[in-house]
Amino acid sequence: MLDDKNLLAQRDPGSTRTSAVAVTMQTDFAAEVESPATPSEVANVVLAGMGGSALAADMVKVLTADRIMVPLEVVKGYQLPNFVNEKTLVIAISHSGNTEETMSCYQQAREHGCQLAVMATGGKLFMAAEADNLPRVRVPSGGQPRMSTIYHLRGLLKLLSQFEVIDDSLYHAVATSGVWLKDQLSQWAEDVPTADNYAKQLALKLVGSTQVFYAGELTWPLAYKWKISFNESAKNVAFWNQYPEFSHNEFIGWSSHPVDKPYKVVDFRSSLERPRIRERMELTDRLLSGMRPKAEVVELQGKTLLEQLLWGLALGEIVSIYAGILNGVNPEPVALVEQLKRELS
């Protein structure tokens, strides 16, 4: 089915499958900071965003864990933490620029005198940042937020280096990794037959059930990313969790009824995680044999954590699009989300 070009075009009229395998264009995005700030002391960082707009914030959290010297928190909601003050850097992230939760955090940051920056394609948030003469990065528009994660990642890394929270090495590493990623992506393109196409094979294995994604301490943003992509592109209910927390509660949840569980389980395994994480995943699969479906293992490719995250992100994008096509839905739009926003407004 996934080798039928007419069917692909019919079910994916926006050609999201093509944009997904062209994601390396995002790695070269030159994030320009308008109204650059004069850096001052930053005691803590808050990245505020929702949904697909916050995916890059989660990636930044794990990517900078071994190099950032101040606490960094990701807020997905209306309320900033009470600790924010003039030494807090708040970066408000909204792809559309109109996300009401992020606008709420922006206003609170202004009221508390925080150091503040914005990343958006435009909208109310970007206009407010222009009016307030705040540092801001405008990311390219046109794509869905979940499909613009690398744009967001480049923008966030540029802003963090602008405020001297980190240096610019990660920002440049994203572009360097894009050269390697391009070759990987070509193997998942629509003109590569299913027999030789790992992304198509994964989509065929995962459709027809609810997906559950698991990853470790370094790679958990991928489990969350795949959950979002399967929600929005495949229009599937999906869930995620991370190790080792899984071992202390959810592990037991699989051990009882219902015996017939309509799920597909995916483990993301990384050569860079603690060996105990892999050991827990392998042991879990053995101990739960017969009580849950055997996990489909995705071995993350790449020599660095950045490469592995980018590889897993790109794979999840195209697999979820193929899954949407198999489900007979248009992978691109999120009509109910847009309706919800309209009715809330």
Protein backbone atom coordinates (compact mmCIF):
# COMPACT_ATOMS: atom_id res chain seq x y z
CA MET A 1 0.00 0.00 0.00
CA LEU A 2 2.76 2.48 0.90
CA ASP A 3 4.41 1.91 -2.47
CA ASP A 4 1.29 3.09 -4.33
CA LYS A 5 2.16 6.68 -5.31
CA ASN A 6 -1.42 7.48 -6.30
CA LEU A 7 -2.69 6.40 -2.88
CA LEU A 8 0.02 8.41 -1.12
CA ALA A 9 -0.93 11.53 -3.06
CA GLN A 10 -4.64 10.99 -2.43
CA ARG A 11 -4.36 10.52 1.34
CA ASP A 12 -1.57 13.07 1.86
CA PRO A 13 -2.56 15.94 -0.46
CA GLY A 14 -0.29 18.37 1.39
CA SER A 15 2.68 16.10 0.67
CA THR A 16 3.83 16.08 4.29
CA ARG A 17 5.76 12.88 3.53
CA THR A 18 7.97 14.94 1.21
CA SER A 19 8.56 17.74 3.70
CA ALA A 20 9.40 15.19 6.39
CA VAL A 21 12.29 13.74 4.41
CA ALA A 22 13.47 17.26 3.53
CA VAL A 23 13.86 18.12 7.21
CA THR A 24 17.60 18.67 6.76
CA MET A 25 16.77 22.09 5.31
CA GLN A 26 15.83 23.07 8.85
CA THR A 27 19.31 22.26 10.17
CA ASP A 28 20.71 25.13 8.06
CA PHE A 29 18.22 27.68 9.35
CA ALA A 30 20.12 30.86 10.18
CA ALA A 31 18.41 32.02 13.35
CA GLU A 32 18.76 35.80 13.49
CA VAL A 33 18.19 37.54 16.80
CA GLU A 34 16.35 40.82 16.34
CA SER A 35 16.98 43.48 19.02
CA PRO A 36 19.87 41.54 20.62
CA ALA A 37 20.13 41.79 24.37
CA THR A 38 23.06 43.00 26.41
CA PRO A 39 23.78 39.89 28.50
CA SER A 40 23.55 40.18 32.26
CA GLU A 41 23.60 37.60 35.04
CA VAL A 42 21.19 34.68 34.47
CA ALA A 43 20.49 32.58 37.57
CA ASN A 44 17.89 30.26 36.00
CA VAL A 45 16.11 29.63 32.73
CA VAL A 46 12.46 28.92 31.91
CA LEU A 47 11.40 27.79 28.44
CA ALA A 48 7.63 28.26 28.06
CA GLY A 49 5.70 26.60 25.27
CA MET A 50 2.96 24.13 24.41
CA GLY A 51 2.57 21.03 22.27
CA GLY A 52 4.79 20.77 19.22
CA SER A 53 6.27 24.18 19.98
CA ALA A 54 7.75 22.81 23.22
CA LEU A 55 9.43 19.75 21.70
CA ALA A 56 12.65 21.64 21.02
CA ALA A 57 12.65 22.89 24.63
CA ASP A 58 12.65 19.29 25.86
CA MET A 59 15.52 18.50 23.50
CA VAL A 60 17.46 21.53 24.76
CA LYS A 61 16.98 20.34 28.33
CA VAL A 62 18.74 17.01 27.71
CA LEU A 63 21.29 18.37 25.23
CA THR A 64 22.53 21.09 27.61
CA ALA A 65 22.41 19.05 30.82
CA ASP A 66 26.19 18.53 30.82
CA ARG A 67 27.10 22.09 29.87
CA ILE A 68 24.58 24.54 31.35
CA MET A 69 25.52 25.89 34.77
CA VAL A 70 22.10 27.15 35.91
CA PRO A 71 18.75 25.39 36.45
CA LEU A 72 16.57 25.06 33.34
CA GLU A 73 12.85 24.32 33.51
CA VAL A 74 10.32 23.73 30.74
CA VAL A 75 6.84 25.09 31.47
CA LYS A 76 3.86 23.74 29.52
CA GLY A 77 0.95 25.69 30.86
CA TYR A 78 -0.34 29.11 31.91
CA GLN A 79 1.75 29.68 35.04
CA LEU A 80 5.41 30.56 35.48
CA PRO A 81 7.14 29.30 38.66
CA ASN A 82 7.05 31.66 41.62
CA PHE A 83 10.85 31.85 41.73
CA VAL A 84 11.16 33.91 38.54
CA ASN A 85 12.74 37.36 38.93
CA GLU A 86 15.07 39.78 37.16
CA LYS A 87 17.79 37.09 37.03
CA THR A 88 15.48 34.62 35.28
CA LEU A 89 15.69 34.22 31.53
CA VAL A 90 12.27 33.35 30.11
CA ILE A 91 12.02 32.31 26.46
CA ALA A 92 8.43 32.20 25.23
CA ILE A 93 7.94 29.76 22.35
CA SER A 94 4.84 29.63 20.17
CA HIS A 95 4.98 28.53 16.55
CA SER A 96 1.82 30.43 15.67
CA GLY A 97 2.60 33.27 18.06
CA ASN A 98 -0.97 33.09 19.35
CA THR A 99 -0.84 30.32 21.97
CA GLU A 100 -2.76 31.68 24.95
CA GLU A 101 -0.84 29.73 27.60
CA THR A 102 2.47 31.07 26.25
CA MET A 103 1.07 34.60 26.06
CA SER A 104 0.12 34.26 29.73
CA CYS A 105 3.71 33.30 30.61
CA TYR A 106 5.00 36.22 28.54
CA GLN A 107 2.87 38.70 30.48
CA GLN A 108 3.94 37.23 33.83
CA ALA A 109 7.60 37.44 32.81
CA ARG A 110 7.10 41.14 32.02
CA GLU A 111 5.40 41.74 35.36
CA HIS A 112 8.24 40.04 37.27
CA GLY A 113 10.96 41.95 35.43
CA CYS A 114 12.46 38.80 33.91
CA GLN A 115 14.95 38.83 31.10
CA LEU A 116 12.70 37.86 28.22
CA ALA A 117 13.00 36.62 24.66
CA VAL A 118 10.55 35.24 22.12
CA MET A 119 10.54 32.70 19.31
CA ALA A 120 7.59 32.49 16.90
CA THR A 121 6.58 32.72 13.25
CA GLY A 122 4.68 35.92 14.03
CA GLY A 123 1.32 36.46 15.71
CA LYS A 124 0.49 38.34 18.90
CA LEU A 125 3.55 37.10 20.75
CA PHE A 126 6.00 38.35 18.13
CA MET A 127 4.17 41.65 17.84
CA ALA A 128 4.35 42.11 21.62
CA ALA A 129 8.10 41.38 21.56
CA GLU A 130 8.55 43.94 18.78
CA ALA A 131 6.59 46.55 20.70
CA ASP A 132 8.60 45.83 23.86
CA ASN A 133 11.87 45.80 21.86
CA LEU A 134 12.81 42.36 23.17
CA PRO A 135 15.22 39.83 21.65
CA ARG A 136 13.30 37.57 19.26
CA VAL A 137 13.81 34.97 16.57
CA ARG A 138 11.30 34.61 13.76
CA VAL A 139 11.14 31.01 12.53
CA PRO A 140 9.81 30.05 9.07
CA SER A 141 6.05 29.60 8.83
CA GLY A 142 3.95 27.23 6.76
CA GLY A 143 4.56 23.93 8.53
CA GLN A 144 2.83 22.37 11.50
CA PRO A 145 4.57 23.05 14.86
CA ARG A 146 5.46 19.37 15.32
CA MET A 147 7.15 19.44 11.91
CA SER A 148 9.23 22.53 12.68
CA THR A 149 11.15 21.22 15.69
CA ILE A 150 14.62 21.71 14.23
CA TYR A 151 13.80 25.32 13.33
CA HIS A 152 12.78 25.78 16.96
CA LEU A 153 15.89 24.00 18.20
CA ARG A 154 18.19 26.28 16.20
CA GLY A 155 16.29 29.34 17.42
CA LEU A 156 16.45 28.32 21.08
CA LEU A 157 20.14 27.48 20.94
CA LYS A 158 20.85 30.85 19.30
CA LEU A 159 18.90 32.74 21.98
CA LEU A 160 20.57 30.83 24.83
CA SER A 161 23.99 31.64 23.42
CA GLN A 162 22.89 35.27 22.92
CA PHE A 163 22.28 35.48 26.69
CA GLU A 164 25.58 33.62 27.30
CA VAL A 165 23.85 30.75 29.07
CA ILE A 166 25.69 28.35 26.72
CA ASP A 167 28.19 28.84 23.90
CA ASP A 168 27.22 28.46 20.26
CA SER A 169 28.81 25.03 19.66
CA LEU A 170 25.50 23.14 19.78
CA TYR A 171 23.92 25.62 17.39
CA HIS A 172 26.65 24.94 14.85
CA ALA A 173 26.60 21.19 15.55
CA VAL A 174 22.97 21.02 14.39
CA ALA A 175 24.01 22.26 10.95
CA THR A 176 26.94 19.85 10.80
CA SER A 177 24.69 16.94 11.77
CA GLY A 178 22.31 17.87 8.95
CA VAL A 179 24.84 16.67 6.35
CA TRP A 180 24.91 13.21 7.94
CA LEU A 181 21.15 13.17 8.49
CA LYS A 182 20.39 13.85 4.82
CA ASP A 183 21.74 10.46 3.81
CA GLN A 184 19.72 8.73 6.52
CA LEU A 185 16.50 10.44 5.45
CA SER A 186 16.91 9.43 1.82
CA GLN A 187 16.44 5.80 2.88
CA TRP A 188 12.88 6.53 4.09
CA ALA A 189 11.59 8.44 1.08
CA GLU A 190 8.36 7.43 -0.63
CA ASP A 191 10.15 6.15 -3.74
CA VAL A 192 12.12 3.62 -1.65
CA PRO A 193 10.05 0.39 -1.66
CA THR A 194 8.73 -1.06 1.57
CA ALA A 195 11.12 -4.01 1.37
CA ASP A 196 14.05 -1.59 1.75
CA ASN A 197 12.34 1.19 3.73
CA TYR A 198 12.62 0.98 7.52
CA ALA A 199 10.11 3.80 8.06
CA LYS A 200 7.42 2.09 6.00
CA GLN A 201 8.10 -1.21 7.75
CA LEU A 202 7.72 0.40 11.17
CA ALA A 203 4.47 2.11 10.19
CA LEU A 204 3.00 -1.21 9.03
CA LYS A 205 3.99 -2.85 12.33
CA LEU A 206 2.53 -0.08 14.52
CA VAL A 207 -0.85 0.70 12.93
CA GLY A 208 -4.04 -0.91 14.13
CA SER A 209 -3.33 -0.52 17.84
CA THR A 210 -2.56 2.12 20.46
CA GLN A 211 1.14 2.89 20.55
CA VAL A 212 3.21 3.17 23.73
CA PHE A 213 6.71 4.66 23.44
CA TYR A 214 9.54 4.25 25.95
CA ALA A 215 13.01 5.81 26.17
CA GLY A 216 15.72 6.48 28.73
CA GLU A 217 17.03 9.47 30.66
CA LEU A 218 18.83 11.03 27.68
CA THR A 219 16.38 10.21 24.91
CA TRP A 220 12.95 10.62 26.52
CA PRO A 221 12.09 13.63 24.28
CA LEU A 222 11.89 11.15 21.41
CA ALA A 223 9.24 9.06 23.16
CA TYR A 224 7.25 12.25 23.71
CA LYS A 225 7.84 13.38 20.12
CA TRP A 226 6.59 10.08 18.67
CA LYS A 227 3.55 10.22 20.95
CA ILE A 228 2.69 13.70 19.64
CA SER A 229 3.33 12.74 16.00
CA PHE A 230 1.13 9.65 16.24
CA ASN A 231 -1.58 11.74 17.92
CA GLU A 232 -1.55 14.42 15.23
CA SER A 233 -0.32 12.77 12.02
CA ALA A 234 -1.73 9.26 12.44
CA LYS A 235 -4.74 10.46 14.49
CA ASN A 236 -4.03 7.69 17.03
CA VAL A 237 -4.24 7.69 20.79
CA ALA A 238 -0.66 7.08 21.97
CA PHE A 239 1.26 7.21 25.25
CA TRP A 240 4.83 7.52 26.46
CA ASN A 241 7.01 7.09 29.52
CA GLN A 242 10.69 6.90 30.40
CA TYR A 243 13.12 4.62 32.19
CA PRO A 244 13.99 4.14 34.99
CA GLU A 245 10.72 5.67 36.31
CA PHE A 246 8.74 3.09 34.32
CA SER A 247 10.30 0.30 36.40
CA HIS A 248 8.82 1.66 39.63
CA ASN A 249 5.12 1.75 38.72
CA GLU A 250 3.95 1.30 35.12
CA PHE A 251 5.88 -1.96 34.93
CA ILE A 252 3.34 -3.54 37.30
CA GLY A 253 0.41 -2.08 35.35
CA TRP A 254 1.22 -4.35 32.41
CA SER A 255 1.20 -7.49 34.58
CA SER A 256 -2.55 -7.92 35.10
CA HIS A 257 -5.82 -7.60 33.20
CA PRO A 258 -6.97 -7.17 30.58
CA VAL A 259 -4.89 -10.05 29.29
CA ASP A 260 -5.52 -9.13 25.65
CA LYS A 261 -3.92 -5.69 25.42
CA PRO A 262 -4.49 -3.77 22.14
CA TYR A 263 -1.13 -1.98 22.19
CA LYS A 264 2.12 -1.80 20.27
CA VAL A 265 5.19 -1.11 22.40
CA VAL A 266 8.30 0.68 21.12
CA ASP A 267 11.61 0.90 23.01
CA PHE A 268 14.13 3.53 21.92
CA ARG A 269 17.57 2.22 22.76
CA SER A 270 20.67 4.36 22.73
CA SER A 271 24.34 3.43 22.95
CA LEU A 272 24.80 6.62 25.01
CA GLU A 273 22.35 5.79 27.80
CA ARG A 274 23.52 4.15 31.02
CA PRO A 275 23.96 0.40 30.44
CA ARG A 276 21.42 -0.18 33.21
CA ILE A 277 18.72 1.50 31.10
CA ARG A 278 19.17 -1.03 28.30
CA GLU A 279 19.32 -3.81 30.88
CA ARG A 280 16.03 -2.65 32.41
CA MET A 281 14.36 -2.55 28.98
CA GLU A 282 15.55 -6.03 28.05
CA LEU A 283 14.63 -7.49 31.43
CA THR A 284 11.20 -5.82 31.33
CA ASP A 285 10.47 -7.37 27.95
CA ARG A 286 11.40 -10.81 29.28
CA LEU A 287 9.51 -10.56 32.58
CA LEU A 288 6.36 -9.25 30.88
CA SER A 289 6.42 -11.88 28.14
CA GLY A 290 2.84 -13.03 27.61
CA MET A 291 1.48 -10.07 29.56
CA ARG A 292 2.15 -7.34 27.01
CA PRO A 293 3.20 -7.25 23.35
CA LYS A 294 6.91 -7.74 22.76
CA ALA A 295 8.60 -4.38 22.30
CA GLU A 296 9.63 -3.20 18.86
CA VAL A 297 13.20 -2.01 19.38
CA VAL A 298 14.40 1.12 17.60
CA GLU A 299 18.19 1.37 17.83
CA LEU A 300 19.02 5.06 17.61
CA GLN A 301 21.69 5.87 15.05
CA GLY A 302 24.41 8.48 15.44
CA LYS A 303 27.63 8.97 17.36
CA THR A 304 26.45 11.88 19.50
CA LEU A 305 23.30 12.53 21.51
CA LEU A 306 22.40 15.34 19.12
CA GLU A 307 22.68 13.03 16.11
CA GLN A 308 20.60 10.35 17.80
CA LEU A 309 17.87 12.82 18.75
CA LEU A 310 17.75 14.30 15.25
CA TRP A 311 17.70 10.83 13.66
CA GLY A 312 14.91 9.64 15.96
CA LEU A 313 12.94 12.85 15.47
CA ALA A 314 13.10 12.60 11.67
CA LEU A 315 12.21 8.91 11.70
CA GLY A 316 9.22 9.53 13.96
CA GLU A 317 7.97 12.25 11.63
CA ILE A 318 7.88 10.07 8.53
CA VAL A 319 6.70 6.90 10.32
CA SER A 320 3.70 8.72 11.80
CA ILE A 321 2.85 10.20 8.38
CA TYR A 322 2.96 6.77 6.79
CA ALA A 323 0.79 5.49 9.66
CA GLY A 324 -1.74 8.25 8.98
CA ILE A 325 -1.87 7.24 5.33
CA LEU A 326 -2.43 3.62 6.36
CA ASN A 327 -5.21 4.81 8.69
CA GLY A 328 -6.88 6.56 5.75
CA VAL A 329 -6.52 10.06 7.22
CA ASN A 330 -4.83 13.23 6.01
CA PRO A 331 -1.67 13.43 8.18
CA GLU A 332 -1.28 17.21 8.07
CA PRO A 333 -4.27 19.05 9.60
CA VAL A 334 -5.25 19.09 13.27
CA ALA A 335 -8.81 20.35 12.77
CA LEU A 336 -10.10 19.61 16.27
CA VAL A 337 -7.24 21.53 17.88
CA GLU A 338 -8.03 24.54 15.70
CA GLN A 339 -11.74 24.24 16.55
CA LEU A 340 -10.93 24.07 20.25
CA LYS A 341 -8.84 27.24 19.99
CA ARG A 342 -11.62 29.05 18.14
CA GLU A 343 -14.24 28.09 20.71
CA LEU A 344 -11.95 29.06 23.61
CA SER A 345 -11.44 32.47 22.04
